[in-house]
């Protein structure tokens, strides 16, 4: 890497404008690919080893416990669960459907507990975990927590796509 830097620095005056644009494009493309690409080998995300458990009585994260009776509000974004297959509209008329398999790791929760806001990004590994999580947040709402839920997909769409791909929704 250091060699490339020195080579580029010393040969920069002799490079043409096309070569400068090429190297500049590469230098911009690599960090963008690492950040936004789907290649698991180059992801910079590091998973926390502590267990995150959503329960009717609150949220458990490692040694921390956030009781539901001390939670004021929770904003939740549910993207999907691991292995959820669905069809998206293709980019052109020739390609009608694009098949996508979700990783289930883009779910987020932000909640206020005793005046402090805590955020988690979490993974749901199956449809049953997805349903259990929905049941837990329904219990939180019944316990008086102001729950705001936004989903990437409606429940009917999820069940319909699971039936299309012959996956059990029960």
Protein backbone atom coordinates (compact mmCIF):
# COMPACT_ATOMS: atom_id res chain seq x y z
CA UNK A 1 0.00 0.00 0.00
CA UNK A 2 2.83 2.35 0.88
CA UNK A 3 4.54 1.45 -2.40
CA UNK A 4 1.44 2.43 -4.37
CA UNK A 5 1.30 5.77 -2.57
CA UNK A 6 4.95 6.62 -3.34
CA UNK A 7 4.66 5.38 -6.93
CA UNK A 8 1.57 7.53 -7.43
CA UNK A 9 3.16 10.57 -5.72
CA UNK A 10 6.34 10.46 -7.80
CA UNK A 11 4.74 9.58 -11.13
CA UNK A 12 1.82 11.99 -10.77
CA UNK A 13 3.43 14.74 -12.90
CA UNK A 14 3.92 12.28 -15.78
CA UNK A 15 0.38 10.86 -15.70
CA UNK A 16 -2.19 11.94 -18.24
CA UNK A 17 -5.65 13.16 -17.30
CA UNK A 18 -7.21 9.79 -18.15
CA UNK A 19 -4.85 7.93 -15.84
CA UNK A 20 -5.47 10.43 -13.04
CA UNK A 21 -9.24 9.93 -13.43
CA UNK A 22 -8.79 6.15 -13.46
CA UNK A 23 -6.71 6.08 -10.26
CA UNK A 24 -8.98 8.64 -8.61
CA UNK A 25 -12.02 6.54 -9.50
CA UNK A 26 -10.39 3.45 -8.01
CA UNK A 27 -9.50 5.32 -4.82
CA UNK A 28 -13.13 6.43 -4.47
CA UNK A 29 -14.69 3.10 -5.50
CA UNK A 30 -12.86 0.87 -3.00
CA UNK A 31 -14.20 2.53 0.20
CA UNK A 32 -17.67 2.78 -1.33
CA UNK A 33 -17.65 -0.93 -2.17
CA UNK A 34 -16.52 -1.85 1.34
CA UNK A 35 -19.21 0.33 2.90
CA UNK A 36 -22.19 -0.46 0.65
CA UNK A 37 -21.33 -3.83 -0.93
CA UNK A 38 -22.93 -7.11 0.10
CA UNK A 39 -19.70 -9.11 0.15
CA UNK A 40 -19.45 -10.64 3.65
CA UNK A 41 -15.64 -10.93 3.40
CA UNK A 42 -15.07 -7.17 3.29
CA UNK A 43 -17.83 -5.95 5.62
CA UNK A 44 -16.57 -3.71 8.39
CA UNK A 45 -19.44 -4.58 10.73
CA UNK A 46 -18.40 -6.27 13.96
CA UNK A 47 -21.02 -8.18 15.92
CA UNK A 48 -21.20 -7.76 19.67
CA UNK A 49 -20.79 -11.02 21.61
CA UNK A 50 -23.30 -10.01 24.28
CA UNK A 51 -26.79 -11.45 23.86
CA UNK A 52 -29.64 -9.08 23.08
CA UNK A 53 -32.90 -10.54 24.37
CA UNK A 54 -36.32 -8.97 23.85
CA UNK A 55 -38.79 -10.20 26.45
CA UNK A 56 -42.20 -9.21 27.74
CA UNK A 57 -40.54 -7.86 30.91
CA UNK A 58 -38.05 -5.68 28.96
CA UNK A 59 -34.76 -5.81 27.10
CA UNK A 60 -31.72 -7.74 28.30
CA UNK A 61 -28.33 -6.88 26.82
CA UNK A 62 -25.43 -8.70 28.39
CA UNK A 63 -25.45 -7.65 32.06
CA UNK A 64 -27.79 -4.70 31.40
CA UNK A 65 -31.54 -4.94 31.91
CA UNK A 66 -34.05 -2.36 30.74
CA UNK A 67 -37.40 -3.15 32.45
CA UNK A 68 -40.52 -2.48 30.42
CA UNK A 69 -42.08 -0.45 33.24
CA UNK A 70 -39.15 2.00 32.99
CA UNK A 71 -39.32 2.28 29.20
CA UNK A 72 -41.02 5.42 27.97
CA UNK A 73 -41.06 4.92 24.21
CA UNK A 74 -39.64 2.60 21.55
CA UNK A 75 -39.16 3.32 17.85
CA UNK A 76 -38.68 0.13 15.86
CA UNK A 77 -37.81 -0.50 12.22
CA UNK A 78 -38.26 -4.11 11.08
CA UNK A 79 -36.59 -4.84 7.77
CA UNK A 80 -36.97 -8.62 7.66
CA UNK A 81 -35.51 -11.89 8.93
CA UNK A 82 -32.66 -14.05 7.73
CA UNK A 83 -33.56 -16.06 4.64
CA UNK A 84 -36.65 -14.06 3.70
CA UNK A 85 -36.96 -14.35 -0.08
CA UNK A 86 -38.97 -11.87 -2.06
CA UNK A 87 -39.37 -10.50 -5.56
CA UNK A 88 -38.54 -6.93 -6.51
CA UNK A 89 -39.43 -5.17 -9.70
CA UNK A 90 -36.57 -5.51 -12.15
CA UNK A 91 -34.57 -2.56 -13.52
CA UNK A 92 -35.80 -3.01 -17.11
CA UNK A 93 -38.79 -4.35 -19.02
CA UNK A 94 -36.75 -7.42 -20.03
CA UNK A 95 -36.01 -8.28 -16.39
CA UNK A 96 -39.39 -8.37 -14.69
CA UNK A 97 -38.51 -9.84 -11.28
CA UNK A 98 -35.32 -9.75 -9.26
CA UNK A 99 -35.13 -12.34 -6.50
CA UNK A 100 -33.69 -11.08 -3.22
CA UNK A 101 -32.76 -13.04 -0.12
CA UNK A 102 -32.58 -10.86 3.00
CA UNK A 103 -29.94 -11.23 5.69
CA UNK A 104 -32.28 -10.03 8.44
CA UNK A 105 -29.60 -7.86 10.03
CA UNK A 106 -31.00 -4.40 9.31
CA UNK A 107 -33.60 -4.25 12.08
CA UNK A 108 -33.32 -1.31 14.48
CA UNK A 109 -34.74 -0.31 17.83
CA UNK A 110 -34.30 3.01 19.59
CA UNK A 111 -35.88 3.31 23.01
CA UNK A 112 -35.99 5.78 25.87
CA UNK A 113 -35.32 4.30 29.29
CA UNK A 114 -35.17 6.59 32.35
CA UNK A 115 -34.59 9.59 30.08
CA UNK A 116 -31.68 8.05 28.15
CA UNK A 117 -31.95 6.87 24.54
CA UNK A 118 -30.40 3.53 23.58
CA UNK A 119 -30.13 2.15 20.04
CA UNK A 120 -29.57 -1.38 18.79
CA UNK A 121 -29.28 -2.93 15.34
CA UNK A 122 -30.21 -6.58 15.53
CA UNK A 123 -30.70 -9.70 13.44
CA UNK A 124 -33.81 -11.87 13.37
CA UNK A 125 -32.77 -15.33 12.23
CA UNK A 126 -36.16 -16.79 11.29
CA UNK A 127 -39.81 -16.09 10.69
CA UNK A 128 -40.64 -17.49 14.12
CA UNK A 129 -38.27 -14.96 15.74
CA UNK A 130 -39.91 -12.25 13.67
CA UNK A 131 -43.36 -13.28 14.98
CA UNK A 132 -42.12 -13.59 18.58
CA UNK A 133 -40.59 -10.11 18.40
CA UNK A 134 -43.89 -8.71 17.13
CA UNK A 135 -45.71 -10.41 20.05
CA UNK A 136 -43.22 -8.94 22.55
CA UNK A 137 -43.67 -5.39 21.26
CA UNK A 138 -47.46 -5.87 21.40
CA UNK A 139 -47.00 -6.78 25.08
CA UNK A 140 -44.88 -3.65 25.61
CA UNK A 141 -47.61 -1.54 24.07
CA UNK A 142 -50.21 -3.15 26.36
CA UNK A 143 -47.92 -2.37 29.31
CA UNK A 144 -48.02 1.34 28.45
CA UNK A 145 -44.88 1.79 26.33
CA UNK A 146 -45.41 4.11 23.38
CA UNK A 147 -44.31 1.80 20.54
CA UNK A 148 -43.84 3.19 17.04
CA UNK A 149 -43.34 0.38 14.52
CA UNK A 150 -42.35 0.77 10.90
CA UNK A 151 -41.85 -2.27 8.68
CA UNK A 152 -40.14 -2.53 5.31
CA UNK A 153 -42.78 -5.07 4.24
CA UNK A 154 -46.42 -5.50 5.19
CA UNK A 155 -47.35 -8.75 6.92
CA UNK A 156 -49.51 -9.87 3.98
CA UNK A 157 -46.56 -9.37 1.60
CA UNK A 158 -44.26 -11.45 3.82
CA UNK A 159 -46.75 -14.32 4.05
CA UNK A 160 -47.48 -14.13 0.31
CA UNK A 161 -43.79 -14.26 -0.63
CA UNK A 162 -43.19 -17.14 1.76
CA UNK A 163 -46.03 -19.05 0.08
CA UNK A 164 -44.61 -18.19 -3.36
CA UNK A 165 -41.22 -19.62 -2.40
CA UNK A 166 -42.84 -22.61 -0.62
CA UNK A 167 -41.65 -21.53 2.82
CA UNK A 168 -43.81 -22.28 5.82
CA UNK A 169 -45.23 -19.25 7.62
CA UNK A 170 -46.31 -21.30 10.63
